[in-house]
Amino acid sequence: MNQVYIPRDYQPRLDPYDTQRAIAYIKETFQEEFSAALNLKRVSAPLFVTGDSGLNDNLNGYERPVAFDVPAVGADAQVVHSLAKWKRLALKRYNFTVGNGLYTDMNAIRRDEDLDNVHSIYVDQWDWEKVITRENRNSEYLKLIVRAIVRAICDTNDRLHVRYPQLRTELSREVSFITSQALEDMYPDLPTGSQREKAYVREHKTACIMQIGRCLRSGKPHDGRAPDYDDWSLNCDIFFWDEVLDRALEISSMGIRVDAEALDRQLRESGCDDRRTLPFHRMLLGGELPLTIGGGIGQSRLAMLMMGCAHIGEVQSSVWDAQTVEACEAAGIRLL
């Protein structure tokens, strides 16, 4: 079901032209800060992959990819949901070494997404991946990378304020880390992961929720996670508190990727053993791919957070239901 929240007395802080200029500035500046912080090189990436390659992600497990036939190739293709698997294969093909990584623009269509202020069927994010050592496969290294990403975001926000002093978004550089099980234990009366996230991030402003995918003691996972890219014991989501929308805003989903042992375990736990025969999974189980850490950072979400926007449609062009369009128009929210 689609929902839209209208903040009381909301007014855009920038006119339409400056909005476009600010979006461009945020993207250019963050790429500069982020790639320098993590030692990443920009590469080109696919918009679609073949359906039988095993390179597409099934995200929470129920999303249907946009698929189409390619007569000239004699195969069916799928618009990517994310590039988590493709990036790891690219690191091997491009001969990236330990300590080096890549980032790219990822554009996707998620046709089954419920629409609200921060969810669109159009997804734009920076996908990134970095080669690590086996000694890096621990929670302390994960936290180190999270803090570097948060610093890059906050540095970009500070530079944006110099360019556009009328913007007022304040972001905390202090990251509060908590596991999904500890979060459930902290808020036993809140039944969903999103409710617990909101309560925690409201208090801590910048937070990192770790260990997502495996069932908690309640019998339910904090949130869905595909079994074949993140190691469920070494992954996380990064949140900032959004004052305009009065909610926890997820900016990044990331993690240390599965090695052969973690992939074997998670395929069994999730009942996805049939994927073992796919080319990507055979390579991973055979130890042919580098050990990596990676994730995605939402471009439109980052822009709307820094600019104090009430709806993601103010910073990206997509399609919306009639109720959302009418409610936004009545509230002075400009959808692109």
Protein backbone atom coordinates (compact mmCIF):
# COMPACT_ATOMS: atom_id res chain seq x y z
CA MET A 1 0.00 0.00 0.00
CA ASN A 2 1.34 3.43 -0.97
CA GLN A 3 1.59 6.06 1.73
CA VAL A 4 2.74 9.66 1.81
CA TYR A 5 3.55 11.72 4.90
CA ILE A 6 3.15 15.50 4.71
CA PRO A 7 5.28 17.39 7.28
CA ARG A 8 3.51 20.29 8.92
CA ASP A 9 4.25 23.71 7.36
CA TYR A 10 6.76 22.19 4.92
CA GLN A 11 8.46 24.50 2.44
CA PRO A 12 11.34 23.63 0.07
CA ARG A 13 14.48 25.55 1.00
CA LEU A 14 15.69 25.84 -2.61
CA ASP A 15 13.93 26.91 -5.79
CA PRO A 16 13.72 24.38 -8.68
CA TYR A 17 16.91 25.56 -10.40
CA ASP A 18 19.04 25.62 -7.24
CA THR A 19 17.58 22.22 -6.32
CA GLN A 20 19.08 20.75 -9.48
CA ARG A 21 22.40 22.50 -8.89
CA ALA A 22 22.52 21.26 -5.29
CA ILE A 23 21.80 17.67 -6.35
CA ALA A 24 24.72 17.82 -8.78
CA TYR A 25 26.98 19.36 -6.13
CA ILE A 26 26.11 16.68 -3.56
CA LYS A 27 26.82 13.87 -6.00
CA GLU A 28 30.09 15.32 -7.25
CA THR A 29 31.34 16.22 -3.77
CA PHE A 30 30.40 12.95 -2.11
CA GLN A 31 32.04 10.90 -4.86
CA GLU A 32 35.23 12.87 -4.26
CA GLU A 33 35.14 12.46 -0.46
CA PHE A 34 34.01 8.83 -0.53
CA SER A 35 36.41 7.48 -3.16
CA ALA A 36 39.36 9.14 -1.42
CA ALA A 37 38.36 7.80 2.00
CA LEU A 38 38.07 4.17 0.82
CA ASN A 39 40.64 4.21 -2.02
CA LEU A 40 38.09 3.44 -4.76
CA LYS A 41 38.31 3.83 -8.54
CA ARG A 42 35.28 4.57 -10.71
CA VAL A 43 34.20 1.90 -13.23
CA SER A 44 31.32 1.34 -15.64
CA ALA A 45 28.63 -1.15 -14.68
CA PRO A 46 25.77 -3.03 -16.36
CA LEU A 47 22.13 -1.99 -16.33
CA PHE A 48 21.08 -5.59 -16.93
CA VAL A 49 22.49 -9.12 -16.75
CA THR A 50 21.35 -12.45 -18.16
CA GLY A 51 18.88 -14.30 -15.98
CA ASP A 52 20.94 -17.50 -15.82
CA SER A 53 24.20 -15.82 -14.74
CA GLY A 54 23.34 -15.77 -11.04
CA LEU A 55 24.63 -12.20 -10.85
CA ASN A 56 21.32 -10.51 -10.03
CA ASP A 57 20.27 -10.19 -6.40
CA ASN A 58 16.88 -11.21 -5.08
CA LEU A 59 17.15 -8.70 -2.20
CA ASN A 60 14.44 -9.70 0.31
CA GLY A 61 13.51 -12.74 -1.76
CA TYR A 62 10.15 -11.67 -3.18
CA GLU A 63 10.99 -8.81 -5.57
CA ARG A 64 10.46 -9.66 -9.23
CA PRO A 65 13.15 -8.39 -11.61
CA VAL A 66 12.14 -6.52 -14.74
CA ALA A 67 12.95 -9.05 -17.46
CA PHE A 68 12.95 -8.98 -21.25
CA ASP A 69 14.09 -11.18 -24.09
CA VAL A 70 17.09 -10.29 -26.24
CA PRO A 71 16.55 -11.99 -29.64
CA ALA A 72 20.02 -11.08 -30.93
CA VAL A 73 21.62 -12.89 -27.98
CA GLY A 74 19.11 -15.72 -27.64
CA ALA A 75 18.69 -15.16 -23.91
CA ASP A 76 16.53 -13.36 -21.38
CA ALA A 77 17.98 -10.37 -19.52
CA GLN A 78 17.06 -8.83 -16.15
CA VAL A 79 17.45 -5.24 -14.99
CA VAL A 80 19.77 -5.43 -11.99
CA HIS A 81 18.39 -5.15 -8.47
CA SER A 82 21.86 -4.35 -7.21
CA LEU A 83 25.44 -5.03 -8.27
CA ALA A 84 26.64 -6.83 -5.15
CA LYS A 85 27.71 -9.96 -7.04
CA TRP A 86 28.79 -8.29 -10.28
CA LYS A 87 31.20 -6.00 -8.40
CA ARG A 88 33.00 -8.89 -6.78
CA LEU A 89 33.45 -10.60 -10.12
CA ALA A 90 34.66 -7.30 -11.61
CA LEU A 91 37.34 -6.96 -8.94
CA LYS A 92 38.74 -10.31 -10.06
CA ARG A 93 38.48 -9.53 -13.78
CA TYR A 94 40.10 -6.09 -13.40
CA ASN A 95 42.91 -7.46 -11.18
CA PHE A 96 42.21 -5.22 -8.17
CA THR A 97 44.59 -5.90 -5.27
CA VAL A 98 44.08 -5.85 -1.49
CA GLY A 99 43.23 -2.39 -0.20
CA ASN A 100 41.87 -1.20 -3.55
CA GLY A 101 38.28 -1.09 -4.74
CA LEU A 102 35.75 0.24 -7.20
CA TYR A 103 32.59 2.30 -7.20
CA THR A 104 29.97 2.89 -9.85
CA ASP A 105 26.55 4.40 -10.50
CA MET A 106 23.86 1.76 -10.13
CA ASN A 107 20.41 2.39 -11.60
CA ALA A 108 17.64 -0.12 -11.10
CA ILE A 109 13.89 -0.67 -11.32
CA ARG A 110 12.20 -2.31 -8.34
CA ARG A 111 8.71 -2.89 -9.63
CA ASP A 112 7.30 -4.39 -6.41
CA GLU A 113 8.37 -1.53 -4.11
CA ASP A 114 5.67 0.01 -1.93
CA LEU A 115 5.84 3.76 -2.48
CA ASP A 116 6.19 6.37 0.25
CA ASN A 117 8.32 9.44 0.98
CA VAL A 118 11.61 7.56 0.68
CA HIS A 119 10.79 4.59 -1.57
CA SER A 120 10.52 4.76 -5.36
CA ILE A 121 10.48 2.11 -8.08
CA TYR A 122 13.55 3.89 -9.47
CA VAL A 123 16.74 3.24 -7.52
CA ASP A 124 19.95 5.23 -7.90
CA GLN A 125 22.91 4.50 -5.68
CA TRP A 126 26.66 4.33 -5.54
CA ASP A 127 27.60 0.67 -5.51
CA TRP A 128 31.10 -0.03 -4.21
CA GLU A 129 33.32 -3.00 -3.44
CA LYS A 130 36.83 -3.34 -2.01
CA VAL A 131 39.30 -6.23 -1.77
CA ILE A 132 40.23 -7.21 1.80
CA THR A 133 42.33 -9.83 3.58
CA ARG A 134 40.93 -12.71 5.60
CA GLU A 135 42.18 -10.91 8.72
CA ASN A 136 39.82 -8.03 7.82
CA ARG A 137 36.76 -10.27 8.09
CA ASN A 138 35.71 -9.04 11.53
CA SER A 139 33.33 -6.54 13.09
CA GLU A 140 36.06 -4.03 13.99
CA TYR A 141 37.06 -3.64 10.35
CA LEU A 142 33.38 -3.30 9.41
CA LYS A 143 33.02 -0.47 11.96
CA LEU A 144 36.17 1.21 10.62
CA ILE A 145 34.67 1.37 7.12
CA VAL A 146 31.29 2.55 8.44
CA ARG A 147 32.95 5.44 10.26
CA ALA A 148 34.85 6.40 7.10
CA ILE A 149 31.58 6.50 5.11
CA VAL A 150 29.86 8.59 7.77
CA ARG A 151 32.76 11.05 7.77
CA ALA A 152 32.54 11.38 3.98
CA ILE A 153 28.80 12.06 4.24
CA CYS A 154 29.22 14.64 7.00
CA ASP A 155 32.12 16.36 5.19
CA THR A 156 29.93 16.61 2.07
CA ASN A 157 27.10 18.06 4.14
CA ASP A 158 29.43 20.67 5.65
CA ARG A 159 30.67 21.71 2.20
CA LEU A 160 27.07 21.91 0.96
CA HIS A 161 26.20 24.33 3.79
CA VAL A 162 28.97 26.65 2.65
CA ARG A 163 27.55 26.64 -0.88
CA TYR A 164 23.90 26.88 0.27
CA PRO A 165 23.74 28.42 3.76
CA GLN A 166 19.93 28.31 3.69
CA LEU A 167 20.08 24.53 4.14
CA ARG A 168 19.81 23.44 7.76
CA THR A 169 20.43 19.69 7.96
CA GLU A 170 22.70 18.76 10.87
CA LEU A 171 24.27 15.28 10.85
CA SER A 172 26.00 13.60 13.77
CA ARG A 173 29.46 12.19 13.11
CA GLU A 174 29.24 9.92 16.18
CA VAL A 175 28.08 6.48 15.07
CA SER A 176 26.22 4.27 17.54
CA PHE A 177 26.64 0.55 16.76
CA ILE A 178 24.17 -2.13 17.82
CA THR A 179 23.33 -5.64 16.64
CA SER A 180 19.83 -6.50 15.47
CA GLN A 181 19.43 -8.95 18.38
CA ALA A 182 20.49 -6.34 20.95
CA LEU A 183 18.03 -3.94 19.33
CA GLU A 184 15.19 -6.47 19.68
CA ASP A 185 16.17 -7.06 23.31
CA MET A 186 16.18 -3.30 23.95
CA TYR A 187 12.68 -2.79 22.54
CA PRO A 188 10.75 -6.00 23.30
CA ASP A 189 7.40 -4.24 22.90
CA LEU A 190 8.11 -3.05 19.35
CA PRO A 191 7.23 -5.89 16.97
CA THR A 192 9.01 -4.81 13.76
CA GLY A 193 12.58 -3.99 12.84
CA SER A 194 11.60 -0.63 11.36
CA GLN A 195 9.87 0.42 14.60
CA ARG A 196 12.95 -0.51 16.61
CA GLU A 197 15.19 1.35 14.15
CA LYS A 198 13.09 4.50 14.53
CA ALA A 199 13.22 4.39 18.32
CA TYR A 200 16.98 3.83 18.41
CA VAL A 201 17.98 6.32 15.72
CA ARG A 202 15.70 9.00 17.21
CA GLU A 203 17.89 8.81 20.32
CA HIS A 204 21.32 8.33 18.70
CA LYS A 205 20.90 10.33 15.43
CA THR A 206 23.50 8.31 13.49
CA ALA A 207 23.37 4.54 13.92
CA CYS A 208 24.63 1.31 12.44
CA ILE A 209 22.45 -1.79 12.85
CA MET A 210 24.58 -4.93 12.45
CA GLN A 211 23.99 -8.66 11.84
CA ILE A 212 20.93 -8.60 9.58
CA GLY A 213 19.43 -11.65 7.87
CA ARG A 214 19.40 -14.50 10.38
CA CYS A 215 16.32 -15.17 12.52
CA LEU A 216 16.36 -13.49 15.94
CA ARG A 217 15.22 -15.07 19.21
CA SER A 218 11.68 -13.93 18.36
CA GLY A 219 11.76 -16.30 15.40
CA LYS A 220 11.79 -13.48 12.82
CA PRO A 221 14.73 -11.77 11.09
CA HIS A 222 15.26 -8.06 11.69
CA ASP A 223 14.96 -7.60 7.92
CA GLY A 224 15.37 -9.73 4.83
CA ARG A 225 18.78 -10.26 3.27
CA ALA A 226 19.77 -12.45 0.35
CA PRO A 227 22.01 -15.36 1.46
CA ASP A 228 24.64 -15.03 -1.22
CA TYR A 229 26.31 -11.64 -0.85
CA ASP A 230 26.60 -10.33 2.74
CA ASP A 231 27.86 -12.49 5.60
CA TRP A 232 24.89 -12.19 7.96
CA SER A 233 27.23 -11.97 10.96
CA LEU A 234 29.29 -9.15 9.38
CA ASN A 235 26.81 -6.82 7.65
CA CYS A 236 24.93 -3.67 8.58
CA ASP A 237 22.65 -0.79 7.62
CA ILE A 238 23.61 2.86 8.24
CA PHE A 239 20.90 5.28 9.39
CA PHE A 240 20.62 9.02 9.97
CA TRP A 241 17.77 10.72 11.79
CA ASP A 242 15.63 12.72 9.37
CA GLU A 243 14.15 15.69 11.23
CA VAL A 244 11.85 16.68 8.36
CA LEU A 245 10.22 13.27 8.10
CA ASP A 246 10.57 12.36 11.79
CA ARG A 247 12.02 8.96 10.91
CA ALA A 248 15.16 6.88 10.68
CA LEU A 249 16.47 7.14 7.14
CA GLU A 250 18.53 4.24 5.84
CA ILE A 251 21.34 5.60 3.66
CA SER A 252 23.44 2.49 3.14
CA SER A 253 23.19 -1.29 3.22
CA MET A 254 26.62 -2.92 3.29
CA GLY A 255 28.76 -5.67 4.69
CA ILE A 256 31.70 -8.00 4.50
CA ARG A 257 30.83 -10.46 1.76
CA VAL A 258 30.37 -14.19 2.17
CA ASP A 259 33.36 -16.45 1.82
CA ALA A 260 32.89 -20.06 0.75
CA GLU A 261 32.08 -21.21 4.29
CA ALA A 262 29.52 -18.46 4.96
CA LEU A 263 27.89 -18.96 1.56
CA ASP A 264 27.56 -22.70 2.13
CA ARG A 265 25.98 -22.11 5.54
CA GLN A 266 23.59 -19.37 4.43
CA LEU A 267 22.40 -21.24 1.33
CA ARG A 268 21.49 -24.17 3.58
CA GLU A 269 19.79 -21.99 6.19
CA SER A 270 17.69 -20.16 3.61
CA GLY A 271 16.75 -23.20 1.54
CA CYS A 272 18.55 -21.88 -1.54
CA ASP A 273 20.83 -24.83 -2.29
CA ASP A 274 19.70 -24.75 -5.94
CA ARG A 275 21.92 -21.66 -6.47
CA ARG A 276 25.08 -23.70 -5.98
CA THR A 277 25.08 -24.62 -9.67
CA LEU A 278 25.09 -20.98 -10.92
CA PRO A 279 28.41 -19.73 -12.36
CA PHE A 280 29.00 -17.02 -9.74
CA HIS A 281 28.23 -19.35 -6.84
CA ARG A 282 30.47 -22.12 -8.20
CA MET A 283 33.35 -19.66 -8.39
CA LEU A 284 32.75 -18.43 -4.86
CA LEU A 285 32.40 -21.91 -3.36
CA GLY A 286 35.59 -22.87 -5.19
CA GLY A 287 37.54 -19.99 -3.64
CA GLU A 288 38.11 -18.30 -7.01
CA LEU A 289 36.86 -14.82 -6.02
CA PRO A 290 38.60 -12.26 -3.79
CA LEU A 291 37.44 -11.59 -0.25
CA THR A 292 35.64 -8.25 -0.24
CA ILE A 293 33.56 -5.69 1.62
CA GLY A 294 30.99 -3.58 -0.20
CA GLY A 295 27.59 -1.97 -0.28
CA GLY A 296 25.33 0.63 -1.76
CA ILE A 297 24.72 4.26 -0.80
CA GLY A 298 21.48 5.86 -1.94
CA GLN A 299 22.08 8.92 -4.10
CA SER A 300 18.56 10.35 -3.97
CA ARG A 301 18.19 9.58 -0.28
CA LEU A 302 21.45 11.32 0.52
CA ALA A 303 20.37 14.36 -1.50
CA MET A 304 16.93 14.60 0.08
CA LEU A 305 18.41 14.25 3.58
CA MET A 306 21.00 16.99 3.09
CA MET A 307 18.55 19.33 1.35
CA GLY A 308 15.79 18.79 3.91
CA CYS A 309 13.32 17.45 1.34
CA ALA A 310 10.05 15.82 2.33
CA HIS A 311 9.80 13.40 -0.59
CA ILE A 312 12.30 11.50 -2.70
CA GLY A 313 10.40 12.65 -5.78
CA GLU A 314 11.81 16.15 -5.16
CA VAL A 315 15.29 14.91 -6.13
CA GLN A 316 14.59 12.19 -8.72
CA SER A 317 12.19 11.60 -11.60
CA SER A 318 9.94 8.57 -11.19
CA VAL A 319 6.26 7.61 -11.39
CA TRP A 320 3.76 8.01 -8.57
CA ASP A 321 0.17 7.09 -7.85
CA ALA A 322 -2.50 9.77 -8.21
CA GLN A 323 -3.06 10.07 -4.45
CA THR A 324 0.64 10.85 -3.84
CA VAL A 325 0.75 13.40 -6.68
CA GLU A 326 -2.36 15.19 -5.40
CA ALA A 327 -1.22 15.22 -1.76
CA CYS A 328 2.22 16.56 -2.67
CA GLU A 329 0.81 19.23 -4.96
CA ALA A 330 -1.57 20.43 -2.24
CA ALA A 331 1.34 20.62 0.25
CA GLY A 332 3.70 22.50 -2.08
CA ILE A 333 6.01 19.51 -2.52
CA ARG A 334 7.47 19.67 -6.04
CA LEU A 335 7.78 16.22 -7.64
CA LEU A 336 10.20 16.15 -10.55
